[in-house]
Amino acid sequence: MALFISFILLPVVKRLEGWGLNKLLSAFVSLLMVFVIIGGSITLFSAEIMSLSDHLDDFTGKIMKTLTDAVVFINSNINFIDDLNREELVVNGKEWFKESSGSLIQNAFSSTAAFLAGLISTIIFTFLILIYREGLTRAFVAFGDDENKSKVFRMLKNIQSVGKKYLTGMFLLIVILGFANSTGLWIIGIDSPFLFGFLAAILSIVPYIGTTIGATIPVLYAFMSSDSLWVPVAVMVMFWGIQIIESNFLSPKIVGGSLNVNALVAILSLLIGASVWGIAGMILFLPFAAMLKVVCEEFDQLKPIAMLISNDIYDDNKKEAKTSKWEKIKGWYKEK
């Protein structure tokens, strides 16, 4: 993660160094700018979050009422428990919530501590990579022969540009999803539509899981704040429709297209990343696939892998530009 962030911040650090700052100060200022942007975004939404907290006092009561009504309705039709008492269910449910709150707080504390430790480590490694980047670059270039040093250096520069393209694609995707979610929630009549809309858009960085969590939060809030069941159902249907459009069109075209990675490889990279590194792997493996394509393009033996990852060979609009190279490959295949 630190290496990926350093790729994104490298142009900023170079610009600061061009203004006369040294490497240490340039790296520090670039990281400080990231914290200012993140802190400003949190500050903008904190007021709405505090105002919403006043309406969440009856969260447990409404959830327990709905669950007990559902259990009583099912039991009245199936009768799997004799003499089921609704008031007794409510009391037992509240006691279970009270007993489980300790373990929930403990898990939240341990997760927060692990996140902060990882965040501090990422900041330190990002800072070190930025200030030692020239030495690291010379060391990697030294792996190549004298005739290939320029090729290795070009490959490293192309890998660095992948980070910027990924950032651009994700930023554009978040903006589009944020306004789409916010507009839909505003039409339905949900309070603080921009808060819930952009929260769901930011969580969509983590595919599938993040999108599900981002949609669940406004659905639960609609359930708590509205007396009508159709409001949370409308929110659920809206997010379901936007998710279909995002998964099938926006994400493969905007994020995968910005990295020049076809949709098949983009989806496979997300699944493999989830199985290897969990949520962090789902975020990182898509740009890693684009970086792998850049590396494979510099070696003749690995160019077929780059062709499989790239979106150009599957794009009909670019097929004519690739005709000569593709015809050579088909001719070689026919000879074999």
Foldseek 3Di string as FASTA:
>chain_A
DLVLVLLQCQVQLVVVVVVPDDQLVSLVVSVVVVVVVVVVVCVVCVVVVVVVVVLCPCLLVLVLVVVLVVVVVVCVVVVPDPPDDSVVSSVVSVVVCVVCVVVVVVVVVVVVVVVVVVVVVSSVSNSVCRSCVVVVLVVQLVVDDPVCSVVSSVLVNVLSVLSVLLVVLLVVQLVVQLVQQLVQLVVLPQPPSSSLRSCLSVLCLQPPVSNVVSLVVSLSVQSSPDPDPVSSVSSNVSSVVVSVCCLPPRCQCRNVVSLQFHSVVLVVQLVVLCVPPNSVSNNPSNSVLSSVLSVQCSDPVSPVVNVNGGPQCVDPVNCVVCVVVVVVVVVVVVVD
